[in-house]
Amino acid sequence: MQDEFSLSTAVLMGRMLDLLKRAPESAADQFKVALASLVELAARRSLTVRLDRDTLMVEGMVVAADAPFVAVLVAQMQAHGVAEIHVAHQATAMDLLRLLQALAPDLVAAGPLHSVEQRLREDGVAAVSVVRAHVAKAVQDRRQVSATAVPPPGDVAGPPPE
């Protein structure tokens, strides 16, 4: 299931990443329009972009993998080991721009020790955060662990309570 908000968010982010990767200087006007549209979406509500293997979801809604520029967003999230992106309600254009600039470079160019999370922190971005893939997996693994069963009263060592 996919809604217009989810699709628009994913397409805009993917389009902006594509512009940053291919020709940032020659596509400045297109980029400004796309950024203004993304800021408008963030002004409506907060949003979470989640990547589960190759499936992209925005606010829990699956975004079609064949939608324009979605593959670019998925590839960059995978390349940088980002499982989730959280954008606060009314995030600023500058914070969104910093996120996209952190996601756009190839990992080799960015350097393996210069993560998206680190770049956002260094740039003072407060309205956008990311969850690294290994952290998301650890959280998911912990949620799947079942609690041990409580032993029956007769199996407990010591005298029964009075």
Protein backbone atom coordinates (compact mmCIF):
# COMPACT_ATOMS: atom_id res chain seq x y z
CA MET A 1 0.00 0.00 0.00
CA GLN A 2 1.33 3.41 -0.90
CA ASP A 3 -0.04 6.90 -0.38
CA GLU A 4 0.74 10.20 -2.08
CA PHE A 5 2.71 11.60 0.89
CA SER A 6 5.00 8.57 1.05
CA LEU A 7 5.56 8.46 -2.68
CA SER A 8 6.20 12.21 -2.94
CA THR A 9 8.69 12.14 -0.07
CA ALA A 10 10.66 9.22 -1.52
CA VAL A 11 10.66 10.59 -5.07
CA LEU A 12 11.77 14.06 -3.94
CA MET A 13 14.59 12.70 -1.78
CA GLY A 14 15.73 10.37 -4.56
CA ARG A 15 15.57 13.15 -7.16
CA MET A 16 17.61 15.50 -5.00
CA LEU A 17 20.22 12.81 -4.35
CA ASP A 18 20.40 12.14 -8.08
CA LEU A 19 20.95 15.84 -8.78
CA LEU A 20 23.64 16.11 -6.09
CA LYS A 21 25.46 13.05 -7.40
CA ARG A 22 25.31 13.83 -11.12
CA ALA A 23 25.43 17.59 -11.64
CA PRO A 24 24.85 19.76 -8.59
CA GLU A 25 25.90 23.01 -10.23
CA SER A 26 23.95 22.58 -13.46
CA ALA A 27 20.71 21.58 -11.76
CA ALA A 28 20.54 24.26 -9.05
CA ASP A 29 17.08 25.51 -10.05
CA GLN A 30 15.62 22.01 -10.16
CA PHE A 31 17.21 21.26 -6.81
CA LYS A 32 15.76 24.41 -5.20
CA VAL A 33 12.25 23.50 -6.39
CA ALA A 34 12.60 19.93 -5.09
CA LEU A 35 14.00 21.14 -1.76
CA ALA A 36 11.13 23.62 -1.34
CA SER A 37 8.67 20.79 -1.99
CA LEU A 38 10.37 18.55 0.58
CA VAL A 39 10.34 21.37 3.14
CA GLU A 40 6.61 21.77 2.46
CA LEU A 41 6.04 18.07 3.14
CA ALA A 42 8.02 18.29 6.39
CA ALA A 43 5.97 21.34 7.38
CA ARG A 44 2.86 19.14 7.38
CA ARG A 45 4.22 16.49 9.76
CA SER A 46 7.27 14.58 10.85
CA LEU A 47 8.30 11.64 8.76
CA THR A 48 10.26 8.44 8.99
CA VAL A 49 11.92 6.81 6.00
CA ARG A 50 12.82 3.19 6.70
CA LEU A 51 14.75 0.70 4.61
CA ASP A 52 14.10 -2.98 5.31
CA ARG A 53 16.41 -4.94 3.04
CA ASP A 54 15.40 -3.54 -0.37
CA THR A 55 11.95 -2.30 0.66
CA LEU A 56 11.58 1.43 1.24
CA MET A 57 8.83 2.67 3.54
CA VAL A 58 7.79 6.20 4.40
CA GLU A 59 5.62 6.47 7.50
CA GLY A 60 5.07 2.71 7.37
CA MET A 61 3.76 2.79 3.80
CA VAL A 62 5.69 0.75 1.22
CA VAL A 63 6.97 2.80 -1.70
CA ALA A 64 7.08 1.06 -5.07
CA ALA A 65 10.65 0.22 -5.99
CA ASP A 66 10.00 1.18 -9.61
CA ALA A 67 8.85 4.71 -8.73
CA PRO A 68 11.13 7.41 -10.19
CA PHE A 69 14.36 7.98 -8.23
CA VAL A 70 13.42 5.55 -5.43
CA ALA A 71 16.29 3.28 -6.46
CA VAL A 72 18.71 6.19 -5.95
CA LEU A 73 17.48 6.77 -2.38
CA VAL A 74 17.62 3.04 -1.59
CA ALA A 75 21.13 2.70 -3.03
CA GLN A 76 22.48 5.66 -1.05
CA MET A 77 20.88 4.50 2.20
CA GLN A 78 22.37 1.03 1.67
CA ALA A 79 25.78 2.40 0.71
CA HIS A 80 25.97 4.48 3.89
CA GLY A 81 24.46 1.79 6.13
CA VAL A 82 21.40 3.89 7.00
CA ALA A 83 18.29 1.93 8.00
CA GLU A 84 16.08 4.84 9.07
CA ILE A 85 15.85 8.57 8.61
CA HIS A 86 13.74 10.63 11.00
CA VAL A 87 12.75 14.14 9.95
CA ALA A 88 11.13 16.32 12.61
CA HIS A 89 7.95 18.26 11.96
CA GLN A 90 8.88 21.61 10.39
CA ALA A 91 12.48 20.65 9.73
CA THR A 92 14.38 23.50 8.12
CA ALA A 93 15.57 23.55 4.53
CA MET A 94 19.15 23.68 5.81
CA ASP A 95 18.72 20.52 7.91
CA LEU A 96 17.18 18.65 4.96
CA LEU A 97 19.94 19.90 2.67
CA ARG A 98 22.62 18.70 5.11
CA LEU A 99 20.98 15.26 5.24
CA LEU A 100 20.99 14.95 1.46
CA GLN A 101 24.55 16.24 1.20
CA ALA A 102 25.62 13.61 3.74
CA LEU A 103 23.85 10.83 1.81
CA ALA A 104 24.91 11.88 -1.71
CA PRO A 105 28.63 11.07 -1.83
CA ASP A 106 29.84 7.61 -2.64
CA LEU A 107 31.11 5.88 0.48
CA VAL A 108 34.67 5.79 -0.89
CA ALA A 109 34.62 9.57 -1.41
CA ALA A 110 33.06 10.25 1.99
CA GLY A 111 35.46 7.96 3.81
CA PRO A 112 34.36 4.94 5.84
CA LEU A 113 34.88 6.76 9.14
CA HIS A 114 32.78 9.75 8.12
CA SER A 115 29.24 8.45 8.58
CA VAL A 116 26.01 10.27 7.75
CA GLU A 117 25.27 10.40 11.46
CA GLN A 118 28.65 12.00 12.19
CA ARG A 119 28.26 14.58 9.40
CA LEU A 120 24.82 15.59 10.67
CA ARG A 121 26.20 15.98 14.19
CA GLU A 122 29.20 18.01 12.96
CA ASP A 123 26.88 20.28 10.95
CA GLY A 124 24.68 20.92 14.00
CA VAL A 125 21.60 19.33 12.45
CA ALA A 126 18.92 18.95 15.10
CA ALA A 127 15.74 18.23 13.13
CA VAL A 128 17.03 15.17 11.26
CA SER A 129 18.50 11.96 12.63
CA VAL A 130 19.48 8.61 11.22
CA VAL A 131 19.63 5.08 12.57
CA ARG A 132 22.46 2.98 11.27
CA ALA A 133 21.61 -0.43 9.82
CA HIS A 134 23.61 -2.39 12.40
CA VAL A 135 21.82 -0.57 15.25
CA ALA A 136 18.39 -1.24 13.72
CA LYS A 137 19.27 -4.94 13.34
CA ALA A 138 20.42 -5.19 16.96
CA VAL A 139 17.17 -3.60 18.15
CA GLN A 140 15.12 -5.95 15.96
CA ASP A 141 17.05 -8.99 17.26
CA ARG A 142 16.40 -7.96 20.86
CA ARG A 143 12.68 -7.58 20.20
CA GLN A 144 12.51 -11.15 18.89
CA VAL A 145 13.98 -12.69 22.05
CA SER A 146 11.25 -14.31 24.10
CA ALA A 147 11.10 -13.98 27.84
CA THR A 148 11.83 -17.14 29.77
CA ALA A 149 8.86 -18.92 31.22
CA VAL A 150 8.24 -18.53 34.92
CA PRO A 151 8.90 -21.85 36.65
CA PRO A 152 5.98 -23.49 38.43
CA PRO A 153 5.85 -22.86 42.21
CA GLY A 154 7.07 -26.37 43.06
CA ASP A 155 10.28 -25.89 41.08
CA VAL A 156 11.43 -22.82 43.02
CA ALA A 157 14.18 -23.59 45.54
CA GLY A 158 13.42 -22.87 49.17
CA PRO A 159 10.33 -23.07 51.31
CA PRO A 160 7.03 -21.78 49.93
CA PRO A 161 6.03 -18.30 51.12
CA GLU A 162 3.70 -18.19 54.11
